[in-house]
Amino acid sequence: MKDAILKVKDLGISFSQYTKGLVRSDLNVIKNLDIELNEGEILAVVGSSGSGKSLLAHAILGILPENASVEGTITYKGEELTRKKQEKLRGDEIVLIPQSVNYLDPLKRVGNQIKISIKNKDKKAKDQIVDRLFEKYNLDKKVKNYYPFQLSGGMARKVLLCTALASDSKVIIADEPTPGLDEASLNEVLKDFREIADSGCAVLMITHDITAALKIADKVAIFYAGSTLEVANKSDFINNGKNLRHPYTKALYNALPNNDFSAMDDKTQPLPNELPKGCVFSDRCKLKTKECEEKVPENREIRNGKVRCIHAT
């Protein structure tokens, strides 16, 4: 097997902030994030809001705010992804499909913004590519001349998709690419991601929608409170999820409408300043022991997947 094109190991992110009396402190919001992204594969990153999904994308691209500190290692094609390399690769070999229309230039027509992503083509060829993408996603050709403020939410989402799909990138990071899309457009987007991956591109799909992710993903990384709890194969989710390794992943699976639709408990994911000393899931886990409360579990390989739990077998 080839080495992963993108690796993130023991990623930690903290933000410096000033509290009462202008006392400077560091808020650690991410710790122990680990993923591997392979060419020709789709890795879905699933987790609730605040679990670290978007921060992972921003760390890979080098677009975190100035008060952020990053620990751990990020490698691309076997080499450390330094700030200089991030600036060179961003928007070229590594492309982001962001959540917000705010990433679009408010002073430039959206058609011209999509063309920026198309390399080594003449004007006519670029126009044809944009027209083809607009037709695929049921966007009227006149939308090419719109400015971002003229777009509806669904139109903006489709334009952001087009900017990435028009490029010749090696890695596509899609941050919540499906909310606001109608069913036909959703299925078209998922189909496109699968075709892009099958052509050799690596796709990192960040989403809340585990059902949509399982339609196309090869692997699913489960994030919780700034940690990667499990990286499972798509096949692990069949047979009522019996092959899943972590208690939280199993609870997520059982909470799906097509399964037991059962709530985990009345607790919520802890805030960054309320994280337990040991396993981040320990305060909600029925398998909890004293060791779970005192020590952060190592990321272990079990049954062709990875899990951060001492009870996983």
C-alpha atoms as a PDB file:
ATOM      1  CA  MET A   1       0.000   0.000   0.000  1.00  0.00           C
ATOM      2  CA  LYS A   2       1.257   3.489  -0.823  1.00  0.00           C
ATOM      3  CA  ASP A   3       2.004   5.909   1.976  1.00  0.00           C
ATOM      4  CA  ALA A   4      -0.816   8.311   2.745  1.00  0.00           C
ATOM      5  CA  ILE A   5      -0.666  11.537   0.737  1.00  0.00           C
ATOM      6  CA  LEU A   6      -1.646  13.522   3.855  1.00  0.00           C
ATOM      7  CA  LYS A   7      -0.960  12.581   7.477  1.00  0.00           C
ATOM      8  CA  VAL A   8      -1.924  14.389  10.653  1.00  0.00           C
ATOM      9  CA  LYS A   9      -0.456  13.022  13.882  1.00  0.00           C
ATOM     10  CA  ASP A  10      -1.061  14.184  17.454  1.00  0.00           C
ATOM     11  CA  LEU A  11      -2.399  17.525  16.285  1.00  0.00           C
ATOM     12  CA  GLY A  12      -2.976  20.014  19.066  1.00  0.00           C
ATOM     13  CA  ILE A  13      -4.345  23.550  18.675  1.00  0.00           C
ATOM     14  CA  SER A  14      -4.573  26.196  21.368  1.00  0.00           C
ATOM     15  CA  PHE A  15      -5.582  29.848  21.301  1.00  0.00           C
ATOM     16  CA  SER A  16      -4.047  32.569  23.427  1.00  0.00           C
ATOM     17  CA  GLN A  17      -6.548  34.904  25.002  1.00  0.00           C
ATOM     18  CA  TYR A  18      -6.702  37.649  27.595  1.00  0.00           C
ATOM     19  CA  THR A  19      -9.031  37.252  30.561  1.00  0.00           C
ATOM     20  CA  LYS A  20     -10.011  39.554  33.390  1.00  0.00           C
ATOM     21  CA  GLY A  21      -7.184  41.862  34.402  1.00  0.00           C
ATOM     22  CA  LEU A  22      -5.474  41.347  31.036  1.00  0.00           C
ATOM     23  CA  VAL A  23      -4.101  38.000  32.183  1.00  0.00           C
ATOM     24  CA  ARG A  24      -2.939  35.969  29.187  1.00  0.00           C
ATOM     25  CA  SER A  25      -3.943  32.316  29.067  1.00  0.00           C
ATOM     26  CA  ASP A  26      -3.964  29.498  26.507  1.00  0.00           C
ATOM     27  CA  LEU A  27      -7.162  27.614  25.717  1.00  0.00           C
ATOM     28  CA  ASN A  28      -6.403  24.147  24.370  1.00  0.00           C
ATOM     29  CA  VAL A  29      -9.274  23.297  22.023  1.00  0.00           C
ATOM     30  CA  ILE A  30      -7.752  20.430  20.036  1.00  0.00           C
ATOM     31  CA  LYS A  31      -5.600  17.567  21.230  1.00  0.00           C
ATOM     32  CA  ASN A  32      -4.768  14.182  19.821  1.00  0.00           C
ATOM     33  CA  LEU A  33      -6.236  14.534  16.334  1.00  0.00           C
ATOM     34  CA  ASP A  34      -4.925  11.842  13.986  1.00  0.00           C
ATOM     35  CA  ILE A  35      -5.917  11.070  10.391  1.00  0.00           C
ATOM     36  CA  GLU A  36      -4.380   9.572   7.258  1.00  0.00           C
ATOM     37  CA  LEU A  37      -5.692  10.457   3.810  1.00  0.00           C
ATOM     38  CA  ASN A  38      -4.897   8.191   0.870  1.00  0.00           C
ATOM     39  CA  GLU A  39      -5.020   8.867  -2.854  1.00  0.00           C
ATOM     40  CA  GLY A  40      -8.166   7.462  -4.423  1.00  0.00           C
ATOM     41  CA  GLU A  41     -10.036   7.391  -1.127  1.00  0.00           C
ATOM     42  CA  ILE A  42     -12.670   9.433   0.689  1.00  0.00           C
ATOM     43  CA  LEU A  43     -12.202   9.934   4.412  1.00  0.00           C
ATOM     44  CA  ALA A  44     -15.281  11.331   6.138  1.00  0.00           C
ATOM     45  CA  VAL A  45     -14.669  13.249   9.357  1.00  0.00           C
ATOM     46  CA  VAL A  46     -17.769  13.073  11.544  1.00  0.00           C
ATOM     47  CA  GLY A  47     -18.439  14.796  14.842  1.00  0.00           C
ATOM     48  CA  SER A  48     -20.683  17.302  16.561  1.00  0.00           C
ATOM     49  CA  SER A  49     -20.069  21.049  16.509  1.00  0.00           C
ATOM     50  CA  GLY A  50     -16.944  21.952  18.463  1.00  0.00           C
ATOM     51  CA  SER A  51     -15.270  18.575  17.975  1.00  0.00           C
ATOM     52  CA  GLY A  52     -12.456  20.062  15.857  1.00  0.00           C
ATOM     53  CA  LYS A  53     -13.488  19.218  12.301  1.00  0.00           C
ATOM     54  CA  SER A  54     -13.140  22.677  10.732  1.00  0.00           C
ATOM     55  CA  LEU A  55     -10.058  23.521  12.795  1.00  0.00           C
ATOM     56  CA  LEU A  56      -8.391  20.445  11.318  1.00  0.00           C
ATOM     57  CA  ALA A  57      -9.054  21.772   7.803  1.00  0.00           C
ATOM     58  CA  HIS A  58      -7.751  25.226   8.681  1.00  0.00           C
ATOM     59  CA  ALA A  59      -4.613  23.769  10.273  1.00  0.00           C
ATOM     60  CA  ILE A  60      -3.852  21.736   7.137  1.00  0.00           C
ATOM     61  CA  LEU A  61      -4.260  24.828   4.945  1.00  0.00           C
ATOM     62  CA  GLY A  62      -2.415  27.155   7.325  1.00  0.00           C
ATOM     63  CA  ILE A  63      -5.319  29.594   7.721  1.00  0.00           C
ATOM     64  CA  LEU A  64      -5.730  29.551  11.501  1.00  0.00           C
ATOM     65  CA  PRO A  65      -5.866  32.972  13.207  1.00  0.00           C
ATOM     66  CA  GLU A  66      -2.694  34.632  14.469  1.00  0.00           C
ATOM     67  CA  ASN A  67      -3.369  33.750  18.111  1.00  0.00           C
ATOM     68  CA  ALA A  68      -3.376  30.007  17.356  1.00  0.00           C
ATOM     69  CA  SER A  69      -0.526  27.675  18.332  1.00  0.00           C
ATOM     70  CA  VAL A  70      -0.163  24.312  16.622  1.00  0.00           C
ATOM     71  CA  GLU A  71       1.539  21.168  17.897  1.00  0.00           C
ATOM     72  CA  GLY A  72       2.024  17.770  16.295  1.00  0.00           C
ATOM     73  CA  THR A  73       2.956  17.009  12.696  1.00  0.00           C
ATOM     74  CA  ILE A  74       1.241  17.418   9.333  1.00  0.00           C
ATOM     75  CA  THR A  75       2.939  15.812   6.325  1.00  0.00           C
ATOM     76  CA  TYR A  76       2.071  15.983   2.630  1.00  0.00           C
ATOM     77  CA  LYS A  77       3.620  13.443   0.253  1.00  0.00           C
ATOM     78  CA  GLY A  78       5.984  12.383   3.020  1.00  0.00           C
ATOM     79  CA  GLU A  79       7.318  15.871   3.772  1.00  0.00           C
ATOM     80  CA  GLU A  80       6.412  18.211   6.594  1.00  0.00           C
ATOM     81  CA  LEU A  81       3.766  20.694   5.546  1.00  0.00           C
ATOM     82  CA  THR A  82       5.499  23.938   6.511  1.00  0.00           C
ATOM     83  CA  ARG A  83       3.894  27.394   6.339  1.00  0.00           C
ATOM     84  CA  LYS A  84       5.774  28.116   3.107  1.00  0.00           C
ATOM     85  CA  LYS A  85       4.545  24.879   1.513  1.00  0.00           C
ATOM     86  CA  GLN A  86       1.007  25.519   2.716  1.00  0.00           C
ATOM     87  CA  GLU A  87       0.979  28.887   0.971  1.00  0.00           C
ATOM     88  CA  LYS A  88       2.309  27.303  -2.230  1.00  0.00           C
ATOM     89  CA  LEU A  89      -0.107  24.366  -2.286  1.00  0.00           C
ATOM     90  CA  ARG A  90      -3.224  26.115  -0.976  1.00  0.00           C
ATOM     91  CA  GLY A  91      -5.755  26.566  -3.755  1.00  0.00           C
ATOM     92  CA  ASP A  92      -3.621  24.503  -6.138  1.00  0.00           C
ATOM     93  CA  GLU A  93      -2.824  20.951  -5.021  1.00  0.00           C
ATOM     94  CA  ILE A  94      -4.835  21.262  -1.795  1.00  0.00           C
ATOM     95  CA  VAL A  95      -8.263  22.852  -2.236  1.00  0.00           C
ATOM     96  CA  LEU A  96     -10.894  23.794   0.348  1.00  0.00           C
ATOM     97  CA  ILE A  97     -14.629  23.790  -0.172  1.00  0.00           C
ATOM     98  CA  PRO A  98     -15.564  26.066   2.757  1.00  0.00           C
ATOM     99  CA  GLN A  99     -18.823  26.356   4.656  1.00  0.00           C
ATOM    100  CA  SER A 100     -19.390  30.068   4.205  1.00  0.00           C
ATOM    101  CA  VAL A 101     -19.925  32.340   1.209  1.00  0.00           C
ATOM    102  CA  ASN A 102     -17.644  34.778   3.048  1.00  0.00           C
ATOM    103  CA  TYR A 103     -14.729  32.927   1.459  1.00  0.00           C
ATOM    104  CA  LEU A 104     -15.775  34.333  -1.921  1.00  0.00           C
ATOM    105  CA  ASP A 105     -14.467  37.716  -3.066  1.00  0.00           C
ATOM    106  CA  PRO A 106     -17.408  40.140  -2.579  1.00  0.00           C
ATOM    107  CA  LEU A 107     -16.156  42.391  -5.408  1.00  0.00           C
ATOM    108  CA  LYS A 108     -15.753  39.730  -8.095  1.00  0.00           C
ATOM    109  CA  ARG A 109     -18.425  37.973 -10.158  1.00  0.00           C
ATOM    110  CA  VAL A 110     -18.720  34.322  -9.149  1.00  0.00           C
ATOM    111  CA  GLY A 111     -18.089  32.982 -12.663  1.00  0.00           C
ATOM    112  CA  ASN A 112     -14.698  34.668 -12.755  1.00  0.00           C
ATOM    113  CA  GLN A 113     -13.885  33.336  -9.293  1.00  0.00           C
ATOM    114  CA  ILE A 114     -14.509  29.775 -10.450  1.00  0.00           C
ATOM    115  CA  LYS A 115     -12.240  30.300 -13.456  1.00  0.00           C
ATOM    116  CA  ILE A 116      -9.330  31.130 -11.138  1.00  0.00           C
ATOM    117  CA  SER A 117      -9.309  27.468 -10.107  1.00  0.00           C
ATOM    118  CA  ILE A 118      -8.905  26.281 -13.711  1.00  0.00           C
ATOM    119  CA  LYS A 119      -5.259  26.056 -14.735  1.00  0.00           C
ATOM    120  CA  ASN A 120      -3.655  25.781 -18.173  1.00  0.00           C
ATOM    121  CA  LYS A 121      -6.853  26.434 -20.157  1.00  0.00           C
ATOM    122  CA  ASP A 122      -7.772  29.241 -22.530  1.00  0.00           C
ATOM    123  CA  LYS A 123     -10.764  31.511 -21.921  1.00  0.00           C
ATOM    124  CA  LYS A 124     -13.135  29.486 -24.105  1.00  0.00           C
ATOM    125  CA  ALA A 125     -12.255  26.227 -22.382  1.00  0.00           C
ATOM    126  CA  LYS A 126     -12.700  27.826 -18.961  1.00  0.00           C
ATOM    127  CA  ASP A 127     -16.132  29.119 -19.965  1.00  0.00           C
ATOM    128  CA  GLN A 128     -17.125  25.651 -21.139  1.00  0.00           C
ATOM    129  CA  ILE A 129     -16.032  24.083 -17.837  1.00  0.00           C
ATOM    130  CA  VAL A 130     -18.018  26.626 -15.825  1.00  0.00           C
ATOM    131  CA  ASP A 131     -21.094  26.142 -18.048  1.00  0.00           C
ATOM    132  CA  ARG A 132     -20.868  22.377 -17.631  1.00  0.00           C
ATOM    133  CA  LEU A 133     -20.666  22.641 -13.838  1.00  0.00           C
ATOM    134  CA  PHE A 134     -23.571  25.097 -13.706  1.00  0.00           C
ATOM    135  CA  GLU A 135     -25.706  22.779 -15.814  1.00  0.00           C
ATOM    136  CA  LYS A 136     -24.856  19.830 -13.584  1.00  0.00           C
ATOM    137  CA  TYR A 137     -25.969  21.673 -10.447  1.00  0.00           C
ATOM    138  CA  ASN A 138     -29.000  23.366 -12.031  1.00  0.00           C
ATOM    139  CA  LEU A 139     -27.555  26.871 -11.839  1.00  0.00           C
ATOM    140  CA  ASP A 140     -28.761  29.343 -14.455  1.00  0.00           C
ATOM    141  CA  LYS A 141     -25.959  30.680 -16.666  1.00  0.00           C
ATOM    142  CA  LYS A 142     -26.803  34.223 -15.614  1.00  0.00           C
ATOM    143  CA  VAL A 143     -25.604  33.345 -12.100  1.00  0.00           C
ATOM    144  CA  LYS A 144     -22.048  33.555 -13.482  1.00  0.00           C
ATOM    145  CA  ASN A 145     -22.471  37.333 -13.491  1.00  0.00           C
ATOM    146  CA  TYR A 146     -23.809  37.519  -9.939  1.00  0.00           C
ATOM    147  CA  TYR A 147     -21.827  38.878  -7.038  1.00  0.00           C
ATOM    148  CA  PRO A 148     -21.742  36.748  -3.858  1.00  0.00           C
ATOM    149  CA  PHE A 149     -24.316  38.901  -2.047  1.00  0.00           C
ATOM    150  CA  GLN A 150     -26.861  38.054  -4.783  1.00  0.00           C
ATOM    151  CA  LEU A 151     -26.666  34.321  -4.120  1.00  0.00           C
ATOM    152  CA  SER A 152     -29.159  32.379  -2.032  1.00  0.00           C
ATOM    153  CA  GLY A 153     -27.802  29.899   0.497  1.00  0.00           C
ATOM    154  CA  GLY A 154     -28.212  26.919  -1.826  1.00  0.00           C
ATOM    155  CA  MET A 155     -26.746  28.782  -4.792  1.00  0.00           C
ATOM    156  CA  ALA A 156     -23.730  29.853  -2.729  1.00  0.00           C
ATOM    157  CA  ARG A 157     -23.111  26.253  -1.677  1.00  0.00           C
ATOM    158  CA  LYS A 158     -23.163  25.114  -5.310  1.00  0.00           C
ATOM    159  CA  VAL A 159     -20.799  27.911  -6.406  1.00  0.00           C
ATOM    160  CA  LEU A 160     -18.322  26.971  -3.649  1.00  0.00           C
ATOM    161  CA  LEU A 161     -18.470  23.368  -4.863  1.00  0.00           C
ATOM    162  CA  CYS A 162     -17.814  24.463  -8.436  1.00  0.00           C
ATOM    163  CA  THR A 163     -14.677  26.405  -7.441  1.00  0.00           C
ATOM    164  CA  ALA A 164     -13.113  23.215  -6.095  1.00  0.00           C
ATOM    165  CA  LEU A 165     -14.423  20.737  -8.651  1.00  0.00           C
ATOM    166  CA  ALA A 166     -13.105  22.919 -11.483  1.00  0.00           C
ATOM    167  CA  SER A 167      -9.550  22.611 -10.159  1.00  0.00           C
ATOM    168  CA  ASP A 168      -6.954  19.924 -10.848  1.00  0.00           C
ATOM    169  CA  SER A 169      -6.123  19.328  -7.205  1.00  0.00           C
ATOM    170  CA  LYS A 170      -4.604  16.323  -5.429  1.00  0.00           C
ATOM    171  CA  VAL A 171      -6.486  16.821  -2.155  1.00  0.00           C
ATOM    172  CA  ILE A 172      -9.989  18.259  -1.731  1.00  0.00           C
ATOM    173  CA  ILE A 173     -11.133  19.253   1.761  1.00  0.00           C
ATOM    174  CA  ALA A 174     -14.911  19.660   1.777  1.00  0.00           C
ATOM    175  CA  ASP A 175     -16.127  21.389   4.942  1.00  0.00           C
ATOM    176  CA  GLU A 176     -19.834  20.607   5.354  1.00  0.00           C
ATOM    177  CA  PRO A 177     -20.495  20.563   1.574  1.00  0.00           C
ATOM    178  CA  THR A 178     -24.058  19.230   1.619  1.00  0.00           C
ATOM    179  CA  PRO A 179     -26.348  21.313   3.938  1.00  0.00           C
ATOM    180  CA  GLY A 180     -28.903  23.380   2.052  1.00  0.00           C
ATOM    181  CA  LEU A 181     -28.796  21.229  -1.068  1.00  0.00           C
ATOM    182  CA  ASP A 182     -31.898  19.610  -2.501  1.00  0.00           C
ATOM    183  CA  GLU A 183     -31.924  15.830  -2.739  1.00  0.00           C
ATOM    184  CA  ALA A 184     -30.968  15.747  -6.428  1.00  0.00           C
ATOM    185  CA  SER A 185     -28.028  18.134  -5.939  1.00  0.00           C
ATOM    186  CA  LEU A 186     -26.918  16.260  -2.821  1.00  0.00           C
ATOM    187  CA  ASN A 187     -26.746  12.971  -4.705  1.00  0.00           C
ATOM    188  CA  GLU A 188     -24.957  14.683  -7.605  1.00  0.00           C
ATOM    189  CA  VAL A 189     -22.332  16.126  -5.230  1.00  0.00           C
ATOM    190  CA  LEU A 190     -21.755  12.783  -3.530  1.00  0.00           C
ATOM    191  CA  LYS A 191     -21.450  11.111  -6.924  1.00  0.00           C
ATOM    192  CA  ASP A 192     -18.897  13.717  -8.021  1.00  0.00           C
ATOM    193  CA  PHE A 193     -16.809  13.225  -4.898  1.00  0.00           C
ATOM    194  CA  ARG A 194     -16.778   9.483  -5.506  1.00  0.00           C
ATOM    195  CA  GLU A 195     -15.743   9.944  -9.142  1.00  0.00           C
ATOM    196  CA  ILE A 196     -13.012  12.414  -8.155  1.00  0.00           C
ATOM    197  CA  ALA A 197     -11.618   9.967  -5.623  1.00  0.00           C
ATOM    198  CA  ASP A 198     -11.801   7.077  -8.085  1.00  0.00           C
ATOM    199  CA  SER A 199      -9.711   9.145 -10.505  1.00  0.00           C
ATOM    200  CA  GLY A 200      -6.906   9.310  -7.908  1.00  0.00           C
ATOM    201  CA  CYS A 201      -7.703  12.422  -5.866  1.00  0.00           C
ATOM    202  CA  ALA A 202      -7.900  12.255  -2.067  1.00  0.00           C
ATOM    203  CA  VAL A 203     -11.084  13.678  -0.530  1.00  0.00           C
ATOM    204  CA  LEU A 204     -11.504  14.752   3.084  1.00  0.00           C
ATOM    205  CA  MET A 205     -15.216  15.243   3.710  1.00  0.00           C
ATOM    206  CA  ILE A 206     -16.136  17.049   6.943  1.00  0.00           C
ATOM    207  CA  THR A 207     -19.750  16.512   7.863  1.00  0.00           C
ATOM    208  CA  HIS A 208     -22.413  16.101  10.541  1.00  0.00           C
ATOM    209  CA  ASP A 209     -24.319  13.777   8.235  1.00  0.00           C
ATOM    210  CA  ILE A 210     -22.950  10.296   8.846  1.00  0.00           C
ATOM    211  CA  THR A 211     -25.683   8.773   6.641  1.00  0.00           C
ATOM    212  CA  ALA A 212     -24.555  10.800   3.622  1.00  0.00           C
ATOM    213  CA  ALA A 213     -20.911  10.063   4.422  1.00  0.00           C
ATOM    214  CA  LEU A 214     -21.485   6.317   4.445  1.00  0.00           C
ATOM    215  CA  LYS A 215     -22.890   6.473   0.904  1.00  0.00           C
ATOM    216  CA  ILE A 216     -19.469   7.304  -0.539  1.00  0.00           C
ATOM    217  CA  ALA A 217     -16.728   7.204   2.124  1.00  0.00           C
ATOM    218  CA  ASP A 218     -14.082   4.504   2.329  1.00  0.00           C
ATOM    219  CA  LYS A 219     -13.262   5.347   5.952  1.00  0.00           C
ATOM    220  CA  VAL A 220     -14.880   7.407   8.700  1.00  0.00           C
ATOM    221  CA  ALA A 221     -12.964   9.297  11.386  1.00  0.00           C
ATOM    222  CA  ILE A 222     -14.979  10.008  14.542  1.00  0.00           C
ATOM    223  CA  PHE A 223     -14.073  13.250  16.339  1.00  0.00           C
ATOM    224  CA  TYR A 224     -15.118  14.153  19.870  1.00  0.00           C
ATOM    225  CA  ALA A 225     -14.025  17.121  21.996  1.00  0.00           C
ATOM    226  CA  GLY A 226     -10.875  17.721  19.952  1.00  0.00           C
ATOM    227  CA  SER A 227      -9.731  14.091  19.735  1.00  0.00           C
ATOM    228  CA  THR A 228      -9.943  11.335  17.137  1.00  0.00           C
ATOM    229  CA  LEU A 229     -11.695   8.478  18.925  1.00  0.00           C
ATOM    230  CA  GLU A 230     -11.870   6.040  16.018  1.00  0.00           C
ATOM    231  CA  VAL A 231     -11.095   5.626  12.330  1.00  0.00           C
ATOM    232  CA  ALA A 232     -13.394   2.910  10.997  1.00  0.00           C
ATOM    233  CA  ASN A 233     -13.855   1.317   7.607  1.00  0.00           C
ATOM    234  CA  LYS A 234     -17.168   1.701   5.814  1.00  0.00           C
ATOM    235  CA  SER A 235     -17.715  -2.046   6.179  1.00  0.00           C
ATOM    236  CA  ASP A 236     -17.552  -1.716   9.983  1.00  0.00           C
ATOM    237  CA  PHE A 237     -20.957  -0.007   9.953  1.00  0.00           C
ATOM    238  CA  ILE A 238     -22.858  -2.979   8.541  1.00  0.00           C
ATOM    239  CA  ASN A 239     -24.301  -5.827  10.653  1.00  0.00           C
ATOM    240  CA  ASN A 240     -25.725  -3.337  13.171  1.00  0.00           C
ATOM    241  CA  GLY A 241     -22.302  -1.799  13.713  1.00  0.00           C
ATOM    242  CA  LYS A 242     -20.971  -4.853  15.550  1.00  0.00           C
ATOM    243  CA  ASN A 243     -17.471  -4.304  14.157  1.00  0.00           C
ATOM    244  CA  LEU A 244     -17.194  -0.735  15.462  1.00  0.00           C
ATOM    245  CA  ARG A 245     -14.621  -0.309  18.203  1.00  0.00           C
ATOM    246  CA  HIS A 246     -15.340   2.756  20.315  1.00  0.00           C
ATOM    247  CA  PRO A 247     -18.421   3.156  22.584  1.00  0.00           C
ATOM    248  CA  TYR A 248     -19.066   6.647  21.193  1.00  0.00           C
ATOM    249  CA  THR A 249     -19.043   5.432  17.573  1.00  0.00           C
ATOM    250  CA  LYS A 250     -21.494   2.686  18.492  1.00  0.00           C
ATOM    251  CA  ALA A 251     -23.736   5.223  20.231  1.00  0.00           C
ATOM    252  CA  LEU A 252     -23.689   7.473  17.149  1.00  0.00           C
ATOM    253  CA  TYR A 253     -24.625   4.541  14.947  1.00  0.00           C
ATOM    254  CA  ASN A 254     -27.505   3.529  17.227  1.00  0.00           C
ATOM    255  CA  ALA A 255     -28.789   7.115  17.266  1.00  0.00           C
ATOM    256  CA  LEU A 256     -29.390   7.134  13.499  1.00  0.00           C
ATOM    257  CA  PRO A 257     -33.083   7.185  12.478  1.00  0.00           C
ATOM    258  CA  ASN A 258     -32.721   3.959  10.496  1.00  0.00           C
ATOM    259  CA  ASN A 259     -31.282   2.159  13.522  1.00  0.00           C
ATOM    260  CA  ASP A 260     -32.419   2.245  17.151  1.00  0.00           C
ATOM    261  CA  PHE A 261     -32.802   6.059  17.109  1.00  0.00           C
ATOM    262  CA  SER A 262     -31.758   5.956  20.763  1.00  0.00           C
ATOM    263  CA  ALA A 263     -30.307   8.935  22.610  1.00  0.00           C
ATOM    264  CA  MET A 264     -26.972   8.383  24.336  1.00  0.00           C
ATOM    265  CA  ASP A 265     -27.723  10.315  27.560  1.00  0.00           C
ATOM    266  CA  ASP A 266     -28.645  13.817  28.668  1.00  0.00           C
ATOM    267  CA  LYS A 267     -25.035  15.026  28.737  1.00  0.00           C
ATOM    268  CA  THR A 268     -23.201  16.996  26.054  1.00  0.00           C
ATOM    269  CA  GLN A 269     -19.691  17.151  24.666  1.00  0.00           C
ATOM    270  CA  PRO A 270     -17.446  18.938  27.208  1.00  0.00           C
ATOM    271  CA  LEU A 271     -16.150  22.429  26.465  1.00  0.00           C
ATOM    272  CA  PRO A 272     -12.394  22.896  25.901  1.00  0.00           C
ATOM    273  CA  ASN A 273     -11.918  24.275  29.425  1.00  0.00           C
ATOM    274  CA  GLU A 274     -13.891  21.392  30.959  1.00  0.00           C
ATOM    275  CA  LEU A 275     -12.102  18.408  29.432  1.00  0.00           C
ATOM    276  CA  PRO A 276     -11.454  15.489  31.779  1.00  0.00           C
ATOM    277  CA  LYS A 277      -7.899  14.536  32.637  1.00  0.00           C
ATOM    278  CA  GLY A 278      -7.978  11.171  30.893  1.00  0.00           C
ATOM    279  CA  CYS A 279     -10.207   9.969  28.043  1.00  0.00           C
ATOM    280  CA  VAL A 280     -12.346  12.836  26.742  1.00  0.00           C
ATOM    281  CA  PHE A 281     -15.358  10.505  26.603  1.00  0.00           C
ATOM    282  CA  SER A 282     -14.894   9.062  30.099  1.00  0.00           C
ATOM    283  CA  ASP A 283     -17.649  11.086  31.790  1.00  0.00           C
ATOM    284  CA  ARG A 284     -20.249   9.526  29.454  1.00  0.00           C
ATOM    285  CA  CYS A 285     -18.857   6.033  28.951  1.00  0.00           C
ATOM    286  CA  LYS A 286     -20.493   3.011  30.586  1.00  0.00           C
ATOM    287  CA  LEU A 287     -17.205   1.094  30.357  1.00  0.00           C
ATOM    288  CA  LYS A 288     -15.286   3.733  32.331  1.00  0.00           C
ATOM    289  CA  THR A 289     -12.626   2.603  34.788  1.00  0.00           C
ATOM    290  CA  LYS A 290     -10.176   4.477  37.002  1.00  0.00           C
ATOM    291  CA  GLU A 291      -7.537   4.240  34.279  1.00  0.00           C
ATOM    292  CA  CYS A 292      -9.897   5.904  31.800  1.00  0.00           C
ATOM    293  CA  GLU A 293     -10.272   8.893  34.118  1.00  0.00           C
ATOM    294  CA  GLU A 294      -6.552   9.343  34.708  1.00  0.00           C
ATOM    295  CA  LYS A 295      -4.772   8.513  31.430  1.00  0.00           C
ATOM    296  CA  VAL A 296      -5.350   9.537  27.806  1.00  0.00           C
ATOM    297  CA  PRO A 297      -5.687   6.290  25.789  1.00  0.00           C
ATOM    298  CA  GLU A 298      -3.166   5.643  23.021  1.00  0.00           C
ATOM    299  CA  ASN A 299      -4.284   5.456  19.404  1.00  0.00           C
ATOM    300  CA  ARG A 300      -4.155   1.721  18.664  1.00  0.00           C
ATOM    301  CA  GLU A 301      -4.656  -0.326  15.505  1.00  0.00           C
ATOM    302  CA  ILE A 302      -7.327  -2.982  15.986  1.00  0.00           C
ATOM    303  CA  ARG A 303      -9.038  -5.053  13.295  1.00  0.00           C
ATOM    304  CA  ASN A 304      -7.748  -2.894  10.430  1.00  0.00           C
ATOM    305  CA  GLY A 305      -8.978   0.282  12.084  1.00  0.00           C
ATOM    306  CA  LYS A 306      -7.714   2.686  14.736  1.00  0.00           C
ATOM    307  CA  VAL A 307      -9.236   3.496  18.086  1.00  0.00           C
ATOM    308  CA  ARG A 308      -8.402   5.476  21.209  1.00  0.00           C
ATOM    309  CA  CYS A 309      -9.936   3.269  23.921  1.00  0.00           C
ATOM    310  CA  ILE A 310      -8.368   0.811  26.373  1.00  0.00           C
ATOM    311  CA  HIS A 311     -11.484  -1.409  26.274  1.00  0.00           C
ATOM    312  CA  ALA A 312     -11.601  -1.850  22.493  1.00  0.00           C
ATOM    313  CA  THR A 313     -10.917  -5.375  21.244  1.00  0.00           C
END
